[in-house]
């Protein structure tokens, strides 16, 4: 959803840049005109060029061969500029979308190597008054000794070699001053469950919640707010897998990454390629509403939902609608939920009647 939102914003920017290029090109021509030339005539060319470009944009019909060759030439150049930039943006977002998702696995591994770094800093910073350090924690020792974690971290280069200064400050200024951590460090002996509990606490209440660390991760990761939710779940699953007899288990981002990768790349592609068709469907049902007046977030959500209902035959319509209502709760206005629900219900009924939506297998469940 975020990728599609960004892509739509780029389209709007590209449109304006292409439009401005008409003025820039013909204005330069104005400066080169001989003295005594009719300036208003050249300004008319600029306006005509913009009209021709807008007609092509709105109708997707090629710029016609009008008598005003200068205006046609400027409009044609603007159309080419616009289309080339759209293709570049599409290619970039397609690649970047996958890279951003795959990066979550790297950050997940970094969470554990960060815990190890903090534990080592705890050992370096040990004071006589404290009775233990985090490096003695049995769960953290499991992280340090885990062959599977070490191999995965090495493969993804999920280390903190450039951030030792920050980690030292985080430990001294934040971790060591945490009340629960202080109580833990002032105890000489701990049970395995106590060790697991303090590791959980550091992850949940400090690493994933403390303002200084949040700011650090937000600067590094654009989608940190969303990634944090996924990371919290992955970390919890990993820590739950640890016990006194059993080593840690690396949590996968997806049970079947290849299927999931295909799902969201196809969803992105179909939403973009069928944008005009989906826009028309929304326009038809959004009575008394100009589609462009609907919030961009809501338009993106609606188009994605339509693409999913049409493209993926194994997903029930009700499941799709419910999922996008949930997305609207996260990203849209309080009123968006009912608006999106009503439109998708109506659009899905028409698409099923026309045969545009055809479900099979699991997709037939509750598909009424």
Protein backbone atom coordinates (compact mmCIF):
# COMPACT_ATOMS: atom_id res chain seq x y z
CA UNK A 1 0.00 0.00 0.00
CA UNK A 2 2.79 2.41 0.88
CA UNK A 3 4.62 1.63 -2.37
CA UNK A 4 1.50 2.28 -4.43
CA UNK A 5 0.84 5.47 -2.50
CA UNK A 6 4.38 6.70 -3.22
CA UNK A 7 4.06 5.70 -6.88
CA UNK A 8 0.82 7.70 -7.24
CA UNK A 9 2.47 10.73 -5.67
CA UNK A 10 5.34 10.42 -8.13
CA UNK A 11 2.84 10.27 -11.00
CA UNK A 12 1.37 13.57 -9.85
CA UNK A 13 4.84 15.12 -9.64
CA UNK A 14 5.80 13.75 -13.05
CA UNK A 15 2.64 15.22 -14.54
CA UNK A 16 3.53 18.68 -13.24
CA UNK A 17 7.16 18.37 -14.35
CA UNK A 18 6.04 17.41 -17.87
CA UNK A 19 3.60 20.30 -17.94
CA UNK A 20 6.29 22.72 -16.79
CA UNK A 21 8.65 21.43 -19.49
CA UNK A 22 6.28 22.83 -22.12
CA UNK A 23 6.53 26.31 -20.62
CA UNK A 24 10.29 26.04 -20.20
CA UNK A 25 10.89 24.85 -23.77
CA UNK A 26 8.70 27.44 -25.45
CA UNK A 27 9.79 30.22 -23.09
CA UNK A 28 13.40 29.59 -24.12
CA UNK A 29 12.24 29.88 -27.70
CA UNK A 30 10.65 33.21 -26.76
CA UNK A 31 14.02 34.56 -25.61
CA UNK A 32 15.54 33.56 -28.95
CA UNK A 33 12.90 35.30 -31.05
CA UNK A 34 13.87 38.31 -33.20
CA UNK A 35 13.00 41.77 -31.96
CA UNK A 36 9.46 42.85 -32.79
CA UNK A 37 8.06 39.29 -32.74
CA UNK A 38 4.55 38.86 -31.33
CA UNK A 39 5.14 37.67 -27.74
CA UNK A 40 1.47 36.88 -27.15
CA UNK A 41 1.61 34.44 -30.08
CA UNK A 42 4.32 32.44 -28.34
CA UNK A 43 2.38 32.46 -25.07
CA UNK A 44 -0.52 31.07 -27.06
CA UNK A 45 1.74 28.22 -28.19
CA UNK A 46 2.52 27.45 -24.56
CA UNK A 47 -1.17 27.28 -23.68
CA UNK A 48 -1.92 25.16 -26.73
CA UNK A 49 0.94 22.80 -25.86
CA UNK A 50 -0.44 22.35 -22.36
CA UNK A 51 -3.94 21.70 -23.70
CA UNK A 52 -2.63 19.04 -26.08
CA UNK A 53 -0.64 17.38 -23.30
CA UNK A 54 -3.64 17.35 -20.94
CA UNK A 55 -5.85 15.87 -23.65
CA UNK A 56 -3.36 13.06 -24.15
CA UNK A 57 -3.09 12.52 -20.39
CA UNK A 58 -6.86 12.36 -19.91
CA UNK A 59 -7.74 10.33 -23.01
CA UNK A 60 -4.48 8.47 -23.71
CA UNK A 61 -4.84 9.52 -27.35
CA UNK A 62 -1.66 10.55 -29.14
CA UNK A 63 -1.01 14.26 -29.59
CA UNK A 64 -2.66 15.22 -32.92
CA UNK A 65 -0.82 16.86 -35.78
CA UNK A 66 -2.21 20.38 -35.45
CA UNK A 67 -1.27 23.39 -37.53
CA UNK A 68 0.67 24.77 -34.58
CA UNK A 69 3.75 22.61 -34.99
CA UNK A 70 5.67 24.22 -32.12
CA UNK A 71 2.90 23.43 -29.63
CA UNK A 72 2.60 19.87 -30.96
CA UNK A 73 6.34 19.33 -30.70
CA UNK A 74 6.45 20.66 -27.09
CA UNK A 75 3.45 18.57 -26.08
CA UNK A 76 4.91 15.43 -27.69
CA UNK A 77 8.21 15.94 -25.86
CA UNK A 78 6.29 16.40 -22.58
CA UNK A 79 4.33 13.17 -23.16
CA UNK A 80 7.57 11.27 -23.83
CA UNK A 81 9.18 12.79 -20.74
CA UNK A 82 6.18 11.81 -18.63
CA UNK A 83 6.00 8.22 -19.90
CA UNK A 84 9.75 7.64 -19.52
CA UNK A 85 9.72 8.89 -15.95
CA UNK A 86 6.67 6.79 -15.06
CA UNK A 87 8.46 3.69 -16.37
CA UNK A 88 11.56 4.53 -14.34
CA UNK A 89 9.49 5.04 -11.21
CA UNK A 90 7.56 1.82 -11.78
CA UNK A 91 10.77 -0.18 -12.18
CA UNK A 92 12.31 1.48 -9.12
CA UNK A 93 9.31 0.89 -6.85
CA UNK A 94 8.91 -2.70 -8.06
CA UNK A 95 12.50 -3.48 -7.08
CA UNK A 96 12.55 -1.36 -3.95
CA UNK A 97 9.31 -2.88 -2.63
CA UNK A 98 10.90 -6.34 -2.61
CA UNK A 99 14.18 -5.04 -1.18
CA UNK A 100 12.39 -3.26 1.68
CA UNK A 101 10.51 -6.43 2.64
CA UNK A 102 13.65 -8.56 2.48
CA UNK A 103 15.47 -5.98 4.61
CA UNK A 104 13.17 -6.89 7.53
CA UNK A 105 15.06 -10.18 7.86
CA UNK A 106 18.33 -8.28 8.18
CA UNK A 107 16.92 -5.97 10.87
CA UNK A 108 15.47 -9.00 12.68
CA UNK A 109 18.96 -10.53 12.90
CA UNK A 110 20.39 -7.16 13.91
CA UNK A 111 18.05 -7.11 16.89
CA UNK A 112 19.79 -10.19 18.29
CA UNK A 113 23.31 -9.04 17.49
CA UNK A 114 22.39 -5.74 19.18
CA UNK A 115 21.35 -7.67 22.29
CA UNK A 116 24.74 -9.41 22.25
CA UNK A 117 26.52 -6.04 21.85
CA UNK A 118 24.60 -4.61 24.82
CA UNK A 119 25.51 -7.66 26.89
CA UNK A 120 29.20 -7.23 26.05
CA UNK A 121 28.94 -3.57 26.98
CA UNK A 122 27.37 -4.65 30.26
CA UNK A 123 30.44 -6.76 30.97
CA UNK A 124 32.81 -3.89 30.15
CA UNK A 125 30.82 -1.49 32.31
CA UNK A 126 30.53 -3.83 35.32
CA UNK A 127 30.76 -2.02 38.65
CA UNK A 128 31.62 -3.56 42.02
CA UNK A 129 28.14 -2.85 43.36
CA UNK A 130 26.47 -4.92 40.65
CA UNK A 131 26.28 -8.65 41.21
CA UNK A 132 25.88 -9.81 37.59
CA UNK A 133 26.03 -8.69 33.95
CA UNK A 134 23.87 -9.33 30.92
CA UNK A 135 26.68 -11.39 29.43
CA UNK A 136 25.98 -14.03 32.10
CA UNK A 137 22.36 -14.27 30.95
CA UNK A 138 21.74 -17.85 29.78
CA UNK A 139 19.43 -16.82 26.93
CA UNK A 140 21.97 -14.30 25.64
CA UNK A 141 24.64 -16.99 25.90
CA UNK A 142 22.43 -19.12 23.66
CA UNK A 143 22.36 -16.26 21.15
CA UNK A 144 26.14 -15.95 21.27
CA UNK A 145 26.71 -19.71 20.87
CA UNK A 146 24.00 -20.33 18.27
CA UNK A 147 25.55 -21.60 15.06
CA UNK A 148 22.35 -20.97 13.10
CA UNK A 149 22.14 -17.34 14.28
CA UNK A 150 25.83 -16.71 13.63
CA UNK A 151 25.60 -18.14 10.13
CA UNK A 152 22.48 -16.11 9.30
CA UNK A 153 23.97 -12.88 10.71
CA UNK A 154 27.20 -13.42 8.77
CA UNK A 155 25.32 -14.10 5.54
CA UNK A 156 23.26 -10.89 5.90
CA UNK A 157 26.08 -8.86 7.48
CA UNK A 158 23.73 -8.04 10.36
CA UNK A 159 26.34 -6.49 12.62
CA UNK A 160 26.99 -3.17 14.37
CA UNK A 161 30.64 -2.50 13.60
CA UNK A 162 29.95 1.18 12.81
CA UNK A 163 27.79 1.85 15.86
CA UNK A 164 29.86 0.91 18.90
CA UNK A 165 29.70 4.49 20.19
CA UNK A 166 25.89 4.58 20.03
CA UNK A 167 25.60 1.15 21.67
CA UNK A 168 27.84 2.21 24.54
CA UNK A 169 25.69 5.29 25.12
CA UNK A 170 22.46 3.30 24.85
CA UNK A 171 23.66 0.90 27.49
CA UNK A 172 24.94 3.54 29.91
CA UNK A 173 22.18 6.11 29.43
CA UNK A 174 19.16 3.87 28.86
CA UNK A 175 19.55 0.13 29.50
CA UNK A 176 21.54 0.29 32.74
CA UNK A 177 19.21 2.95 34.17
CA UNK A 178 16.07 0.92 33.51
CA UNK A 179 14.56 -0.05 36.85
CA UNK A 180 13.85 -3.65 35.93
CA UNK A 181 17.34 -4.14 34.47
CA UNK A 182 18.91 -2.66 37.61
CA UNK A 183 17.01 -5.11 39.80
CA UNK A 184 18.20 -7.95 37.57
CA UNK A 185 21.85 -6.84 37.64
CA UNK A 186 21.76 -6.57 41.42
CA UNK A 187 20.96 -10.27 41.72
CA UNK A 188 23.81 -12.76 41.61
CA UNK A 189 21.78 -15.75 40.44
CA UNK A 190 18.88 -16.04 37.98
CA UNK A 191 16.64 -18.82 36.78
CA UNK A 192 16.37 -19.53 33.06
CA UNK A 193 12.89 -18.00 33.05
CA UNK A 194 14.18 -14.84 34.74
CA UNK A 195 16.90 -14.61 32.10
CA UNK A 196 14.32 -14.97 29.34
CA UNK A 197 12.03 -12.42 30.98
CA UNK A 198 14.72 -9.71 31.16
CA UNK A 199 15.72 -10.29 27.52
CA UNK A 200 12.06 -9.97 26.53
CA UNK A 201 11.81 -6.78 28.59
CA UNK A 202 14.87 -5.20 26.94
CA UNK A 203 13.51 -5.98 23.49
CA UNK A 204 9.93 -4.85 24.11
CA UNK A 205 10.36 -1.92 26.49
CA UNK A 206 13.75 -0.55 25.43
CA UNK A 207 14.97 -1.54 21.97
CA UNK A 208 11.54 -1.38 20.32
CA UNK A 209 10.05 1.37 22.47
CA UNK A 210 12.59 3.83 23.89
CA UNK A 211 12.55 7.20 22.08
CA UNK A 212 16.28 7.45 21.39
CA UNK A 213 16.42 4.04 19.76
CA UNK A 214 13.17 4.62 17.88
CA UNK A 215 14.65 7.81 16.39
CA UNK A 216 17.78 5.90 15.37
CA UNK A 217 15.81 3.18 13.60
CA UNK A 218 13.40 5.63 11.96
CA UNK A 219 16.35 7.43 10.36
CA UNK A 220 17.69 4.13 9.02
CA UNK A 221 14.42 2.50 8.01
CA UNK A 222 11.65 4.48 6.28
CA UNK A 223 9.00 1.89 7.16
CA UNK A 224 10.15 1.40 10.76
CA UNK A 225 6.69 2.01 12.27
CA UNK A 226 5.25 -0.92 10.29
CA UNK A 227 8.38 -3.08 10.41
CA UNK A 228 8.50 -2.79 14.20
CA UNK A 229 5.19 -4.66 14.51
CA UNK A 230 6.51 -7.52 12.38
CA UNK A 231 9.86 -7.56 14.21
CA UNK A 232 8.16 -7.73 17.60
CA UNK A 233 6.23 -10.81 16.51
CA UNK A 234 9.33 -12.49 14.98
CA UNK A 235 11.46 -11.79 18.06
CA UNK A 236 8.76 -13.11 20.39
CA UNK A 237 8.47 -16.33 18.37
CA UNK A 238 12.24 -16.81 18.51
CA UNK A 239 12.50 -16.23 22.26
CA UNK A 240 9.53 -18.54 22.88
CA UNK A 241 11.46 -21.28 21.09
CA UNK A 242 14.32 -21.13 23.59
CA UNK A 243 14.36 -23.38 26.65
CA UNK A 244 17.03 -24.99 28.82
CA UNK A 245 17.39 -28.00 26.52
CA UNK A 246 16.66 -26.44 23.15
CA UNK A 247 18.59 -23.98 21.00
CA UNK A 248 16.94 -20.97 19.39
CA UNK A 249 14.98 -21.26 16.18
CA UNK A 250 15.30 -18.57 13.53
CA UNK A 251 11.87 -17.17 12.64
CA UNK A 252 11.19 -16.82 8.92
CA UNK A 253 9.57 -13.69 7.59
CA UNK A 254 7.19 -15.91 5.66
CA UNK A 255 6.30 -19.59 5.65
CA UNK A 256 6.44 -19.52 1.86
CA UNK A 257 8.39 -16.49 0.70
CA UNK A 258 8.19 -17.35 -3.01
CA UNK A 259 4.37 -17.41 -2.93
CA UNK A 260 4.18 -14.21 -0.91
CA UNK A 261 6.67 -12.48 -3.20
CA UNK A 262 4.58 -13.42 -6.23
CA UNK A 263 1.42 -12.22 -4.45
CA UNK A 264 2.50 -8.69 -3.76
CA UNK A 265 4.45 -8.19 -6.99
CA UNK A 266 1.41 -9.30 -9.03
CA UNK A 267 -0.87 -7.17 -6.85
CA UNK A 268 1.34 -4.12 -7.37
CA UNK A 269 1.59 -4.70 -11.13
CA UNK A 270 -2.14 -5.28 -11.68
CA UNK A 271 -3.15 -2.31 -9.54
CA UNK A 272 -0.89 -0.02 -11.58
CA UNK A 273 -1.71 -1.45 -15.00
CA UNK A 274 -5.48 -1.38 -14.45
CA UNK A 275 -5.56 1.97 -12.70
CA UNK A 276 -7.94 3.61 -15.21
CA UNK A 277 -10.37 0.69 -15.16
CA UNK A 278 -10.47 0.61 -11.35
CA UNK A 279 -10.80 4.38 -11.20
CA UNK A 280 -13.88 4.14 -13.44
CA UNK A 281 -15.42 1.47 -11.19
CA UNK A 282 -14.89 3.66 -8.13
CA UNK A 283 -16.24 6.73 -9.93
CA UNK A 284 -19.40 4.89 -10.94
CA UNK A 285 -20.19 3.90 -7.35
CA UNK A 286 -18.96 7.02 -5.55
CA UNK A 287 -22.09 9.02 -6.22
CA UNK A 288 -21.83 12.76 -5.58
CA UNK A 289 -18.05 12.32 -5.25
CA UNK A 290 -15.40 13.34 -7.76
CA UNK A 291 -12.86 10.50 -7.59
CA UNK A 292 -10.03 13.01 -7.30
CA UNK A 293 -11.66 14.41 -4.15
CA UNK A 294 -11.41 11.02 -2.46
CA UNK A 295 -8.29 10.89 -0.28
CA UNK A 296 -5.35 9.34 -2.14
CA UNK A 297 -4.91 6.76 0.62
CA UNK A 298 -8.52 5.62 0.19
CA UNK A 299 -8.18 5.50 -3.60
CA UNK A 300 -5.07 3.32 -3.33
CA UNK A 301 -6.78 0.98 -0.85
CA UNK A 302 -9.87 0.67 -3.05
CA UNK A 303 -7.84 -0.07 -6.20
CA UNK A 304 -5.70 -2.65 -4.40
CA UNK A 305 -8.81 -4.38 -3.07
CA UNK A 306 -10.40 -4.49 -6.53
CA UNK A 307 -7.17 -5.86 -8.02
CA UNK A 308 -7.01 -8.57 -5.35
CA UNK A 309 -10.66 -9.59 -5.79
CA UNK A 310 -10.26 -9.93 -9.55
CA UNK A 311 -6.76 -11.43 -9.70
CA UNK A 312 -6.58 -13.97 -6.88
CA UNK A 313 -9.27 -16.60 -7.35
CA UNK A 314 -8.44 -18.48 -4.13
CA UNK A 315 -9.09 -15.52 -1.79
CA UNK A 316 -12.76 -15.08 -0.76
CA UNK A 317 -14.23 -11.65 -1.48
CA UNK A 318 -15.19 -11.16 2.17
CA UNK A 319 -11.61 -11.86 3.25
CA UNK A 320 -10.29 -9.23 0.83
CA UNK A 321 -12.81 -6.61 1.94
CA UNK A 322 -12.12 -7.24 5.63
CA UNK A 323 -8.36 -7.01 5.09
CA UNK A 324 -8.57 -3.66 3.35
CA UNK A 325 -10.93 -2.30 5.98
CA UNK A 326 -8.24 -3.17 8.52
CA UNK A 327 -5.63 -1.39 6.39
CA UNK A 328 -7.88 1.68 6.26
CA UNK A 329 -8.00 1.71 10.07
CA UNK A 330 -4.21 1.99 10.14
CA UNK A 331 -3.66 4.51 7.37
CA UNK A 332 -6.86 6.41 6.70
CA UNK A 333 -9.40 8.65 8.41
CA UNK A 334 -11.95 7.41 10.98
CA UNK A 335 -14.73 7.71 8.37
CA UNK A 336 -12.82 5.79 5.69
CA UNK A 337 -13.76 2.38 7.05
CA UNK A 338 -17.47 2.68 6.31
CA UNK A 339 -16.85 4.46 3.02
CA UNK A 340 -14.46 1.76 1.77
CA UNK A 341 -16.68 -1.06 3.05
CA UNK A 342 -19.73 0.30 1.26
CA UNK A 343 -17.95 0.88 -2.05
CA UNK A 344 -16.23 -2.50 -2.08
CA UNK A 345 -19.46 -4.34 -1.25
CA UNK A 346 -21.22 -2.65 -4.16
CA UNK A 347 -18.33 -2.99 -6.62
CA UNK A 348 -17.76 -6.66 -5.76
CA UNK A 349 -21.44 -7.49 -6.35
CA UNK A 350 -21.34 -5.96 -9.82
CA UNK A 351 -18.05 -7.64 -10.69
CA UNK A 352 -19.36 -11.04 -9.61
CA UNK A 353 -22.56 -10.60 -11.63
CA UNK A 354 -20.57 -9.62 -14.71
CA UNK A 355 -18.21 -12.59 -14.28
CA UNK A 356 -15.19 -10.35 -13.76
CA UNK A 357 -14.69 -11.92 -10.33
CA UNK A 358 -14.52 -15.71 -10.50
CA UNK A 359 -13.52 -17.64 -7.42
CA UNK A 360 -12.42 -21.25 -7.07
CA UNK A 361 -11.33 -23.58 -4.29
CA UNK A 362 -10.97 -21.77 -0.99
CA UNK A 363 -12.09 -18.58 -2.72
CA UNK A 364 -15.65 -19.90 -2.82
CA UNK A 365 -15.91 -19.94 0.99
CA UNK A 366 -18.35 -17.28 2.24
CA UNK A 367 -18.22 -15.77 -1.23
CA UNK A 368 -21.75 -14.38 -1.27
